[in-house]
C-alpha atoms as a PDB file:
ATOM      1  CA  UNK A   1     -11.834  -3.783   4.393  1.00  0.00           C
ATOM      2  CA  UNK A   2     -15.236  -3.801   2.737  1.00  0.00           C
ATOM      3  CA  UNK A   3     -18.337  -3.189   4.785  1.00  0.00           C
ATOM      4  CA  UNK A   4     -20.426  -6.387   5.047  1.00  0.00           C
ATOM      5  CA  UNK A   5     -23.624  -4.301   5.151  1.00  0.00           C
ATOM      6  CA  UNK A   6     -22.935  -1.898   2.293  1.00  0.00           C
ATOM      7  CA  UNK A   7     -20.634  -3.258  -0.414  1.00  0.00           C
ATOM      8  CA  UNK A   8     -20.598   0.213  -2.033  1.00  0.00           C
ATOM      9  CA  UNK A   9     -19.164   1.821   1.108  1.00  0.00           C
ATOM     10  CA  UNK A  10     -15.810   3.534   0.780  1.00  0.00           C
ATOM     11  CA  UNK A  11     -12.980   1.113   1.474  1.00  0.00           C
ATOM     12  CA  UNK A  12     -10.742   1.677   4.448  1.00  0.00           C
ATOM     13  CA  UNK A  13      -7.364   0.324   5.408  1.00  0.00           C
ATOM     14  CA  UNK A  14      -6.566  -1.424   8.673  1.00  0.00           C
ATOM     15  CA  UNK A  15      -3.036  -2.388   9.661  1.00  0.00           C
ATOM     16  CA  UNK A  16      -2.452  -5.117  12.213  1.00  0.00           C
ATOM     17  CA  UNK A  17       1.014  -5.461  13.732  1.00  0.00           C
ATOM     18  CA  UNK A  18       2.365  -8.988  14.113  1.00  0.00           C
ATOM     19  CA  UNK A  19       5.606  -9.763  15.933  1.00  0.00           C
ATOM     20  CA  UNK A  20       8.305 -11.256  13.709  1.00  0.00           C
ATOM     21  CA  UNK A  21       8.288 -14.524  15.640  1.00  0.00           C
ATOM     22  CA  UNK A  22       4.565 -15.004  14.876  1.00  0.00           C
ATOM     23  CA  UNK A  23       4.621 -13.965  11.220  1.00  0.00           C
ATOM     24  CA  UNK A  24       4.946 -17.540   9.948  1.00  0.00           C
ATOM     25  CA  UNK A  25       1.922 -18.647  11.962  1.00  0.00           C
ATOM     26  CA  UNK A  26      -0.192 -15.818  10.515  1.00  0.00           C
ATOM     27  CA  UNK A  27       0.907 -16.325   6.904  1.00  0.00           C
ATOM     28  CA  UNK A  28       1.077 -20.122   6.977  1.00  0.00           C
ATOM     29  CA  UNK A  29       2.822 -22.432   4.553  1.00  0.00           C
ATOM     30  CA  UNK A  30       2.416 -21.054   1.045  1.00  0.00           C
ATOM     31  CA  UNK A  31       0.182 -18.272   2.401  1.00  0.00           C
ATOM     32  CA  UNK A  32      -2.606 -20.714   3.260  1.00  0.00           C
ATOM     33  CA  UNK A  33      -3.602 -19.150   6.599  1.00  0.00           C
ATOM     34  CA  UNK A  34      -3.576 -15.506   5.432  1.00  0.00           C
ATOM     35  CA  UNK A  35      -5.579 -16.510   2.357  1.00  0.00           C
ATOM     36  CA  UNK A  36      -8.172 -18.274   4.534  1.00  0.00           C
ATOM     37  CA  UNK A  37      -8.406 -15.199   6.767  1.00  0.00           C
ATOM     38  CA  UNK A  38      -8.805 -12.964   3.714  1.00  0.00           C
ATOM     39  CA  UNK A  39     -11.614 -15.109   2.312  1.00  0.00           C
ATOM     40  CA  UNK A  40     -13.397 -15.399   5.663  1.00  0.00           C
ATOM     41  CA  UNK A  41     -13.332 -11.639   6.200  1.00  0.00           C
ATOM     42  CA  UNK A  42     -13.873 -10.751   2.524  1.00  0.00           C
ATOM     43  CA  UNK A  43     -10.765  -8.557   2.467  1.00  0.00           C
ATOM     44  CA  UNK A  44      -7.729  -7.966   0.358  1.00  0.00           C
ATOM     45  CA  UNK A  45      -4.515  -8.375   2.307  1.00  0.00           C
ATOM     46  CA  UNK A  46      -1.118  -7.081   1.260  1.00  0.00           C
ATOM     47  CA  UNK A  47       1.186  -9.927   2.211  1.00  0.00           C
END
């Protein structure tokens, strides 16, 4: 995740656990939801 205050800050990794039964809701059809989350938070997500 990049720091919104200092774009030159060292990047860090955050892992969020999601139960299997909710994975589809987080990813969304064709990855739409996870892509929207990534854009809104200015992050790169491994999905």
